[in-house]
Amino acid sequence: TMSTLRVDNIQGQTSGTNRYVVQVIYAETATLQSLTSTSYTDLTGMTATITPVSSSNKILVQVCLNIGHQNAGMNISCRLLRDSTSIFAGEDTSNKQGFIQTECNVASGYQYEIKNFTATTLDAPSTTSATTYKVQGLINTAAGTWYMNRNHSNASDQGNTKSSITLLEIAQ
């Protein structure tokens, strides 16, 4: 038989230890997006919105992003935003900071590779208003195309992938 446990509140045994997941927002995408912009561009389907129940709670953000590329020497970056603020990025403002920085290599078959990039950060939005997290990407150097969830050839004998963004509100 199946049992159901329902509670209104979970509290730790010692003061200050109340930590539990309040809510989970999950978005995944199989979109085969092609990107050529040298300006940050939203990645289709890589957006999720959460409305925290308490302004003291934190949001655990997890990103799984799969990308392929076209041209050797093409340098790409991706960043994570909370609304319009870049988070989980380097601090040197003279560079285009993000959580991904990679240069493409098409020698020896690497043009057929789909690379997986991840990011995990514990963010403190300090609000109970709807808050949107999203991933953006751009090309930093050589012209070309990069792809989300596929490689450059997208041939029928090669697999496609999915990418996702997960938001977990953690009670504080």
N, C-alpha and C. Protein backbone atom coordinates (compact mmCIF):
# COMPACT_ATOMS: atom_id res chain seq x y z
N THR A 1 0.84 -1.19 0.00
CA THR A 1 0.00 0.00 0.00
C THR A 1 0.88 1.24 0.00
N MET A 2 0.33 2.31 -0.52
CA MET A 2 1.04 3.59 -0.59
C MET A 2 0.59 4.45 0.58
N SER A 3 1.53 5.20 1.15
CA SER A 3 1.23 6.12 2.23
C SER A 3 1.52 7.53 1.77
N THR A 4 0.81 8.48 2.33
CA THR A 4 1.02 9.88 2.02
C THR A 4 1.31 10.63 3.31
N LEU A 5 2.39 11.39 3.29
CA LEU A 5 2.74 12.23 4.43
C LEU A 5 2.53 13.67 4.01
N ARG A 6 1.68 14.37 4.72
CA ARG A 6 1.42 15.77 4.42
C ARG A 6 1.72 16.60 5.66
N VAL A 7 2.50 17.67 5.48
CA VAL A 7 2.82 18.56 6.58
C VAL A 7 2.69 20.00 6.10
N ASP A 8 2.43 20.90 7.03
CA ASP A 8 2.36 22.32 6.69
C ASP A 8 3.70 23.02 6.90
N ASN A 9 4.54 22.45 7.76
CA ASN A 9 5.80 23.10 8.06
C ASN A 9 6.82 22.05 8.50
N ILE A 10 8.04 22.18 7.99
CA ILE A 10 9.13 21.31 8.43
C ILE A 10 10.10 22.19 9.18
N GLN A 11 10.47 21.79 10.38
CA GLN A 11 11.37 22.59 11.20
C GLN A 11 12.49 21.71 11.72
N GLY A 12 13.70 22.25 11.66
CA GLY A 12 14.86 21.53 12.17
C GLY A 12 14.81 21.40 13.67
N GLN A 13 15.62 20.48 14.20
CA GLN A 13 15.65 20.25 15.64
C GLN A 13 16.31 21.39 16.41
N THR A 14 17.21 22.12 15.73
CA THR A 14 17.94 23.19 16.37
C THR A 14 17.60 24.49 15.66
N SER A 15 17.52 25.56 16.41
CA SER A 15 17.21 26.87 15.84
C SER A 15 18.18 27.20 14.70
N GLY A 16 17.63 27.73 13.62
CA GLY A 16 18.47 28.16 12.50
C GLY A 16 18.79 27.06 11.51
N THR A 17 18.22 25.88 11.64
CA THR A 17 18.55 24.79 10.72
C THR A 17 17.41 24.48 9.76
N ASN A 18 16.43 25.35 9.64
CA ASN A 18 15.31 25.11 8.74
C ASN A 18 15.76 25.31 7.30
N ARG A 19 16.02 24.23 6.60
CA ARG A 19 16.44 24.30 5.20
C ARG A 19 15.67 23.23 4.45
N TYR A 20 14.85 23.65 3.53
CA TYR A 20 14.11 22.70 2.72
C TYR A 20 13.71 23.38 1.43
N VAL A 21 13.36 22.59 0.45
CA VAL A 21 12.96 23.11 -0.85
C VAL A 21 11.50 23.52 -0.78
N VAL A 22 11.24 24.78 -1.07
CA VAL A 22 9.88 25.34 -1.04
C VAL A 22 9.16 25.04 -2.34
N GLN A 23 9.85 25.25 -3.46
CA GLN A 23 9.25 25.00 -4.77
C GLN A 23 10.35 24.75 -5.80
N VAL A 24 9.96 24.09 -6.88
CA VAL A 24 10.89 23.78 -7.97
C VAL A 24 10.26 24.23 -9.28
N ILE A 25 11.02 24.97 -10.07
CA ILE A 25 10.61 25.37 -11.42
C ILE A 25 11.62 24.74 -12.38
N TYR A 26 11.12 24.06 -13.39
CA TYR A 26 12.00 23.35 -14.33
C TYR A 26 11.58 23.65 -15.76
N ALA A 27 12.55 23.96 -16.60
CA ALA A 27 12.28 24.17 -18.02
C ALA A 27 13.34 23.42 -18.81
N GLU A 28 12.90 22.67 -19.81
CA GLU A 28 13.86 22.03 -20.71
C GLU A 28 13.46 22.34 -22.13
N THR A 29 14.45 22.29 -23.01
CA THR A 29 14.18 22.60 -24.41
C THR A 29 14.97 21.67 -25.32
N ALA A 30 14.31 21.25 -26.38
CA ALA A 30 14.96 20.48 -27.44
C ALA A 30 15.17 21.36 -28.67
N THR A 31 14.94 22.66 -28.52
CA THR A 31 15.09 23.61 -29.63
C THR A 31 16.49 23.51 -30.23
N LEU A 32 16.55 23.45 -31.56
CA LEU A 32 17.83 23.40 -32.27
C LEU A 32 18.15 24.81 -32.77
N GLN A 33 18.54 25.67 -31.84
CA GLN A 33 18.77 27.07 -32.16
C GLN A 33 20.14 27.27 -32.79
N SER A 34 20.20 28.14 -33.81
CA SER A 34 21.45 28.55 -34.44
C SER A 34 21.75 29.97 -34.02
N LEU A 35 22.99 30.25 -33.63
CA LEU A 35 23.35 31.57 -33.13
C LEU A 35 24.55 32.14 -33.88
N THR A 36 24.43 33.40 -34.30
CA THR A 36 25.50 34.07 -35.02
C THR A 36 25.82 35.45 -34.46
N SER A 37 25.12 35.88 -33.43
CA SER A 37 25.22 37.24 -32.92
C SER A 37 26.49 37.47 -32.12
N THR A 38 27.06 38.67 -32.28
CA THR A 38 28.18 39.10 -31.45
C THR A 38 27.69 39.90 -30.25
N SER A 39 26.37 39.98 -30.08
CA SER A 39 25.75 40.57 -28.89
C SER A 39 25.01 39.47 -28.15
N TYR A 40 24.92 39.59 -26.84
CA TYR A 40 24.22 38.57 -26.07
C TYR A 40 22.79 38.40 -26.57
N THR A 41 22.42 37.15 -26.81
CA THR A 41 21.10 36.78 -27.34
C THR A 41 20.49 35.72 -26.44
N ASP A 42 19.18 35.85 -26.17
CA ASP A 42 18.49 34.85 -25.35
C ASP A 42 18.54 33.49 -26.04
N LEU A 43 18.79 32.44 -25.26
CA LEU A 43 18.73 31.08 -25.79
C LEU A 43 17.31 30.57 -25.61
N THR A 44 16.69 30.18 -26.70
CA THR A 44 15.29 29.77 -26.70
C THR A 44 15.04 28.63 -25.73
N GLY A 45 14.06 28.80 -24.87
CA GLY A 45 13.69 27.77 -23.91
C GLY A 45 14.53 27.72 -22.66
N MET A 46 15.53 28.58 -22.57
CA MET A 46 16.43 28.58 -21.40
C MET A 46 16.08 29.74 -20.46
N THR A 47 14.79 29.86 -20.20
CA THR A 47 14.26 30.89 -19.31
C THR A 47 13.29 30.24 -18.33
N ALA A 48 13.37 30.63 -17.06
CA ALA A 48 12.43 30.12 -16.05
C ALA A 48 12.15 31.25 -15.06
N THR A 49 10.89 31.33 -14.61
CA THR A 49 10.47 32.38 -13.68
C THR A 49 9.96 31.75 -12.40
N ILE A 50 10.37 32.33 -11.28
CA ILE A 50 9.96 31.85 -9.97
C ILE A 50 9.50 33.05 -9.14
N THR A 51 8.50 32.84 -8.31
CA THR A 51 8.04 33.86 -7.37
C THR A 51 8.33 33.35 -5.96
N PRO A 52 9.41 33.83 -5.34
CA PRO A 52 9.77 33.34 -4.01
C PRO A 52 8.67 33.64 -2.99
N VAL A 53 8.47 32.73 -2.04
CA VAL A 53 7.46 32.95 -1.00
C VAL A 53 8.01 33.80 0.14
N SER A 54 9.33 33.93 0.23
CA SER A 54 9.94 34.76 1.27
C SER A 54 11.14 35.48 0.67
N SER A 55 11.31 36.75 1.03
CA SER A 55 12.44 37.52 0.50
C SER A 55 13.77 37.08 1.10
N SER A 56 13.74 36.30 2.17
CA SER A 56 14.99 35.81 2.76
C SER A 56 15.43 34.47 2.16
N ASN A 57 14.57 33.84 1.36
CA ASN A 57 14.93 32.56 0.75
C ASN A 57 15.93 32.75 -0.37
N LYS A 58 16.64 31.68 -0.68
CA LYS A 58 17.60 31.69 -1.77
C LYS A 58 17.10 30.81 -2.90
N ILE A 59 17.65 31.04 -4.09
CA ILE A 59 17.28 30.26 -5.27
C ILE A 59 18.52 29.51 -5.75
N LEU A 60 18.43 28.19 -5.75
CA LEU A 60 19.48 27.36 -6.33
C LEU A 60 19.19 27.24 -7.82
N VAL A 61 20.11 27.76 -8.63
CA VAL A 61 19.94 27.77 -10.08
C VAL A 61 20.89 26.74 -10.67
N GLN A 62 20.33 25.84 -11.48
CA GLN A 62 21.13 24.82 -12.15
C GLN A 62 20.88 24.90 -13.65
N VAL A 63 21.95 25.01 -14.43
CA VAL A 63 21.86 25.11 -15.88
C VAL A 63 22.61 23.94 -16.50
N CYS A 64 21.99 23.31 -17.47
CA CYS A 64 22.63 22.28 -18.29
C CYS A 64 22.46 22.73 -19.73
N LEU A 65 23.56 23.05 -20.40
CA LEU A 65 23.50 23.62 -21.75
C LEU A 65 24.38 22.79 -22.68
N ASN A 66 23.82 22.39 -23.82
CA ASN A 66 24.55 21.59 -24.80
C ASN A 66 24.71 22.38 -26.09
N ILE A 67 25.97 22.53 -26.54
CA ILE A 67 26.22 23.35 -27.72
C ILE A 67 27.20 22.66 -28.68
N GLY A 68 27.02 22.97 -29.95
CA GLY A 68 27.93 22.55 -31.01
C GLY A 68 28.43 23.80 -31.72
N HIS A 69 29.42 23.65 -32.62
CA HIS A 69 30.03 24.82 -33.25
C HIS A 69 30.37 24.52 -34.70
N GLN A 70 30.73 25.58 -35.43
CA GLN A 70 30.99 25.46 -36.86
C GLN A 70 32.43 25.75 -37.23
N ASN A 71 32.97 26.88 -36.82
CA ASN A 71 34.25 27.35 -37.34
C ASN A 71 35.39 27.23 -36.33
N ALA A 72 36.58 26.84 -36.80
CA ALA A 72 37.76 26.81 -35.94
C ALA A 72 38.07 28.22 -35.47
N GLY A 73 38.47 28.35 -34.23
CA GLY A 73 38.85 29.65 -33.69
C GLY A 73 37.69 30.51 -33.25
N MET A 74 36.47 30.04 -33.45
CA MET A 74 35.30 30.82 -33.02
C MET A 74 35.22 30.74 -31.50
N ASN A 75 35.16 31.90 -30.87
CA ASN A 75 35.21 32.01 -29.42
C ASN A 75 33.83 32.42 -28.93
N ILE A 76 33.23 31.63 -28.03
CA ILE A 76 31.86 31.91 -27.61
C ILE A 76 31.77 32.02 -26.08
N SER A 77 30.79 32.79 -25.63
CA SER A 77 30.51 32.94 -24.20
C SER A 77 29.01 32.83 -23.96
N CYS A 78 28.66 32.37 -22.76
CA CYS A 78 27.26 32.38 -22.31
C CYS A 78 27.22 32.98 -20.92
N ARG A 79 26.11 33.62 -20.60
CA ARG A 79 25.95 34.19 -19.27
C ARG A 79 24.58 33.84 -18.70
N LEU A 80 24.48 33.95 -17.40
CA LEU A 80 23.25 33.67 -16.66
C LEU A 80 22.76 34.99 -16.08
N LEU A 81 21.48 35.29 -16.32
CA LEU A 81 20.90 36.53 -15.81
C LEU A 81 19.80 36.24 -14.79
N ARG A 82 19.73 37.10 -13.77
CA ARG A 82 18.55 37.21 -12.91
C ARG A 82 17.91 38.51 -13.34
N ASP A 83 16.74 38.42 -13.98
CA ASP A 83 16.13 39.57 -14.63
C ASP A 83 17.17 40.18 -15.57
N SER A 84 17.67 41.39 -15.33
CA SER A 84 18.67 41.96 -16.24
C SER A 84 20.07 41.98 -15.65
N THR A 85 20.25 41.34 -14.48
CA THR A 85 21.55 41.33 -13.80
C THR A 85 22.30 40.03 -14.06
N SER A 86 23.53 40.16 -14.54
CA SER A 86 24.37 38.98 -14.76
C SER A 86 24.80 38.43 -13.41
N ILE A 87 24.64 37.11 -13.23
CA ILE A 87 25.06 36.45 -11.99
C ILE A 87 25.98 35.28 -12.35
N PHE A 88 26.72 34.81 -11.38
CA PHE A 88 27.63 33.67 -11.55
C PHE A 88 28.60 33.91 -12.70
N ALA A 89 29.21 35.10 -12.68
CA ALA A 89 30.14 35.47 -13.75
C ALA A 89 31.43 35.99 -13.12
N GLY A 90 32.47 36.05 -13.95
CA GLY A 90 33.73 36.63 -13.49
C GLY A 90 33.55 38.11 -13.14
N GLU A 91 34.56 38.69 -12.52
CA GLU A 91 34.42 40.06 -12.01
C GLU A 91 35.21 41.09 -12.80
N ASP A 92 35.95 40.68 -13.82
CA ASP A 92 36.72 41.63 -14.63
C ASP A 92 35.78 42.26 -15.65
N THR A 93 35.33 43.47 -15.38
CA THR A 93 34.32 44.10 -16.23
C THR A 93 34.86 44.53 -17.59
N SER A 94 36.16 44.42 -17.83
CA SER A 94 36.71 44.75 -19.15
C SER A 94 36.48 43.61 -20.14
N ASN A 95 36.04 42.45 -19.64
CA ASN A 95 35.78 41.31 -20.51
C ASN A 95 34.30 40.96 -20.51
N LYS A 96 33.86 40.16 -21.47
CA LYS A 96 32.46 39.74 -21.57
C LYS A 96 32.25 38.54 -20.67
N GLN A 97 31.97 38.79 -19.41
CA GLN A 97 31.96 37.73 -18.41
C GLN A 97 30.71 36.87 -18.48
N GLY A 98 30.90 35.60 -18.22
CA GLY A 98 29.80 34.66 -18.18
C GLY A 98 30.23 33.40 -17.46
N PHE A 99 29.42 32.35 -17.58
CA PHE A 99 29.78 31.08 -16.94
C PHE A 99 30.36 30.10 -17.95
N ILE A 100 30.32 30.45 -19.23
CA ILE A 100 30.95 29.62 -20.27
C ILE A 100 31.87 30.50 -21.09
N GLN A 101 33.06 30.00 -21.34
CA GLN A 101 33.99 30.62 -22.29
C GLN A 101 34.70 29.47 -22.98
N THR A 102 34.51 29.35 -24.28
CA THR A 102 35.16 28.24 -24.98
C THR A 102 35.53 28.67 -26.39
N GLU A 103 36.58 28.06 -26.91
CA GLU A 103 36.98 28.29 -28.30
C GLU A 103 36.79 26.99 -29.06
N CYS A 104 36.25 27.12 -30.24
CA CYS A 104 35.91 25.93 -31.04
C CYS A 104 37.14 25.38 -31.74
N ASN A 105 37.18 24.06 -31.85
CA ASN A 105 38.25 23.36 -32.54
C ASN A 105 37.58 22.38 -33.50
N VAL A 106 37.80 22.56 -34.81
CA VAL A 106 37.16 21.66 -35.76
C VAL A 106 38.13 20.62 -36.31
N ALA A 107 39.32 20.55 -35.76
CA ALA A 107 40.28 19.53 -36.20
C ALA A 107 39.88 18.16 -35.66
N SER A 108 40.25 17.13 -36.37
CA SER A 108 40.10 15.74 -35.92
C SER A 108 38.69 15.37 -35.49
N GLY A 109 37.70 15.88 -36.18
CA GLY A 109 36.32 15.46 -35.93
C GLY A 109 35.58 16.19 -34.84
N TYR A 110 36.21 17.17 -34.19
CA TYR A 110 35.54 17.86 -33.08
C TYR A 110 34.34 18.70 -33.53
N GLN A 111 34.24 18.96 -34.84
CA GLN A 111 33.08 19.71 -35.32
C GLN A 111 31.79 18.90 -35.18
N TYR A 112 31.90 17.61 -34.91
CA TYR A 112 30.72 16.77 -34.74
C TYR A 112 30.35 16.59 -33.27
N GLU A 113 31.09 17.24 -32.40
CA GLU A 113 30.90 17.09 -30.97
C GLU A 113 29.83 18.08 -30.46
N ILE A 114 29.06 17.62 -29.49
CA ILE A 114 28.17 18.51 -28.75
C ILE A 114 28.76 18.60 -27.35
N LYS A 115 29.10 19.81 -26.93
CA LYS A 115 29.73 20.02 -25.62
C LYS A 115 28.68 20.35 -24.58
N ASN A 116 28.85 19.79 -23.38
CA ASN A 116 27.94 20.05 -22.28
C ASN A 116 28.59 21.03 -21.31
N PHE A 117 27.86 22.07 -20.98
CA PHE A 117 28.31 23.07 -20.01
C PHE A 117 27.27 23.17 -18.91
N THR A 118 27.73 23.35 -17.68
CA THR A 118 26.81 23.45 -16.55
C THR A 118 27.16 24.67 -15.70
N ALA A 119 26.17 25.10 -14.95
CA ALA A 119 26.37 26.16 -13.96
C ALA A 119 25.46 25.86 -12.79
N THR A 120 25.96 26.05 -11.59
CA THR A 120 25.15 25.91 -10.38
C THR A 120 25.53 27.05 -9.45
N THR A 121 24.53 27.81 -9.02
CA THR A 121 24.79 28.91 -8.11
C THR A 121 23.62 29.07 -7.15
N LEU A 122 23.92 29.53 -5.95
CA LEU A 122 22.90 29.81 -4.94
C LEU A 122 22.73 31.31 -4.89
N ASP A 123 21.61 31.78 -5.43
CA ASP A 123 21.36 33.21 -5.60
C ASP A 123 20.43 33.73 -4.51
N ALA A 124 20.59 34.99 -4.15
CA ALA A 124 19.75 35.63 -3.14
C ALA A 124 19.04 36.83 -3.78
N PRO A 125 17.89 36.61 -4.42
CA PRO A 125 17.21 37.72 -5.10
C PRO A 125 16.57 38.73 -4.15
N SER A 126 16.34 38.36 -2.88
CA SER A 126 15.79 39.26 -1.85
C SER A 126 14.48 39.91 -2.28
N THR A 127 13.55 39.08 -2.75
CA THR A 127 12.27 39.60 -3.22
C THR A 127 11.21 38.51 -3.12
N THR A 128 9.95 38.94 -3.15
CA THR A 128 8.83 38.01 -3.31
C THR A 128 8.11 38.29 -4.62
N SER A 129 8.75 39.06 -5.49
CA SER A 129 8.21 39.33 -6.82
C SER A 129 8.70 38.27 -7.80
N ALA A 130 7.94 38.09 -8.87
CA ALA A 130 8.35 37.14 -9.91
C ALA A 130 9.75 37.51 -10.40
N THR A 131 10.62 36.51 -10.45
CA THR A 131 12.03 36.71 -10.82
C THR A 131 12.36 35.74 -11.94
N THR A 132 12.92 36.28 -13.02
CA THR A 132 13.22 35.47 -14.20
C THR A 132 14.72 35.23 -14.32
N TYR A 133 15.08 33.96 -14.52
CA TYR A 133 16.45 33.55 -14.78
C TYR A 133 16.52 33.07 -16.21
N LYS A 134 17.59 33.46 -16.92
CA LYS A 134 17.73 33.02 -18.31
C LYS A 134 19.19 32.96 -18.71
N VAL A 135 19.43 32.23 -19.80
CA VAL A 135 20.77 32.07 -20.34
C VAL A 135 20.84 32.79 -21.68
N GLN A 136 21.94 33.51 -21.89
CA GLN A 136 22.20 34.19 -23.15
C GLN A 136 23.57 33.77 -23.67
N GLY A 137 23.77 33.91 -24.98
CA GLY A 137 25.05 33.57 -25.57
C GLY A 137 25.44 34.53 -26.67
N LEU A 138 26.74 34.53 -27.02
CA LEU A 138 27.26 35.36 -28.10
C LEU A 138 28.54 34.76 -28.66
N ILE A 139 28.96 35.28 -29.83
CA ILE A 139 30.26 34.97 -30.42
C ILE A 139 31.19 36.14 -30.09
N ASN A 140 32.36 35.84 -29.53
CA ASN A 140 33.32 36.90 -29.18
C ASN A 140 34.26 37.26 -30.31
N THR A 141 34.61 36.31 -31.17
CA THR A 141 35.67 36.56 -32.15
C THR A 141 35.24 36.19 -33.56
N ALA A 142 35.83 35.14 -34.09
CA ALA A 142 35.63 34.80 -35.51
C ALA A 142 34.16 34.56 -35.84
N ALA A 143 33.76 35.02 -37.01
CA ALA A 143 32.38 34.83 -37.46
C ALA A 143 32.10 33.35 -37.66
N GLY A 144 30.87 33.00 -37.60
CA GLY A 144 30.45 31.62 -37.78
C GLY A 144 29.13 31.39 -37.09
N THR A 145 28.80 30.14 -36.89
CA THR A 145 27.54 29.79 -36.25
C THR A 145 27.82 28.77 -35.16
N TRP A 146 27.12 28.91 -34.04
CA TRP A 146 27.12 27.87 -33.03
C TRP A 146 25.69 27.48 -32.76
N TYR A 147 25.52 26.32 -32.16
CA TYR A 147 24.21 25.70 -32.11
C TYR A 147 23.88 25.20 -30.71
N MET A 148 22.62 25.28 -30.38
CA MET A 148 22.16 24.70 -29.13
C MET A 148 21.48 23.38 -29.45
N ASN A 149 21.86 22.34 -28.71
CA ASN A 149 21.27 21.00 -28.78
C ASN A 149 21.55 20.24 -30.07
N ARG A 150 22.58 20.63 -30.82
CA ARG A 150 22.97 19.90 -32.03
C ARG A 150 24.40 20.25 -32.39
N ASN A 151 24.99 19.46 -33.30
CA ASN A 151 26.29 19.84 -33.82
C ASN A 151 26.09 20.59 -35.14
N HIS A 152 27.19 20.97 -35.80
CA HIS A 152 27.04 21.82 -36.99
C HIS A 152 26.39 21.11 -38.17
N SER A 153 26.60 19.81 -38.32
CA SER A 153 26.06 19.13 -39.50
C SER A 153 24.62 18.68 -39.31
N ASN A 154 24.22 18.37 -38.08
CA ASN A 154 22.86 17.94 -37.76
C ASN A 154 22.39 16.80 -38.69
N ALA A 155 23.32 15.91 -39.03
CA ALA A 155 23.01 14.79 -39.93
C ALA A 155 22.09 13.80 -39.23
N SER A 156 21.36 13.03 -40.03
CA SER A 156 20.37 12.09 -39.48
C SER A 156 21.00 10.96 -38.67
N ASP A 157 22.30 10.71 -38.85
CA ASP A 157 22.94 9.65 -38.08
C ASP A 157 23.61 10.17 -36.80
N GLN A 158 23.34 11.43 -36.45
CA GLN A 158 23.93 12.03 -35.25
C GLN A 158 22.83 12.49 -34.31
N GLY A 159 23.07 12.38 -33.03
CA GLY A 159 22.05 12.70 -32.04
C GLY A 159 21.90 14.18 -31.78
N ASN A 160 20.73 14.53 -31.30
CA ASN A 160 20.47 15.86 -30.76
C ASN A 160 20.33 15.71 -29.26
N THR A 161 20.34 16.83 -28.56
CA THR A 161 20.25 16.80 -27.11
C THR A 161 19.17 17.75 -26.64
N LYS A 162 19.02 17.86 -25.33
CA LYS A 162 18.17 18.86 -24.71
C LYS A 162 19.04 19.67 -23.76
N SER A 163 18.56 20.86 -23.43
CA SER A 163 19.19 21.70 -22.42
C SER A 163 18.12 22.07 -21.40
N SER A 164 18.54 22.47 -20.19
CA SER A 164 17.55 22.75 -19.16
C SER A 164 18.04 23.81 -18.17
N ILE A 165 17.06 24.39 -17.48
CA ILE A 165 17.31 25.30 -16.37
C ILE A 165 16.36 24.92 -15.25
N THR A 166 16.90 24.79 -14.03
CA THR A 166 16.12 24.39 -12.87
C THR A 166 16.30 25.43 -11.77
N LEU A 167 15.19 25.83 -11.14
CA LEU A 167 15.21 26.77 -10.03
C LEU A 167 14.62 26.10 -8.81
N LEU A 168 15.33 26.08 -7.70
CA LEU A 168 14.82 25.52 -6.45
C LEU A 168 14.85 26.62 -5.39
N GLU A 169 13.70 26.94 -4.84
CA GLU A 169 13.66 27.91 -3.75
C GLU A 169 14.00 27.18 -2.45
N ILE A 170 15.02 27.68 -1.75
CA ILE A 170 15.49 27.06 -0.53
C ILE A 170 15.12 27.96 0.65
N ALA A 171 14.35 27.42 1.59
CA ALA A 171 13.95 28.20 2.77
C ALA A 171 15.18 28.51 3.62
N GLN A 172 15.21 29.72 4.17
CA GLN A 172 16.35 30.16 5.00
C GLN A 172 15.90 30.39 6.42
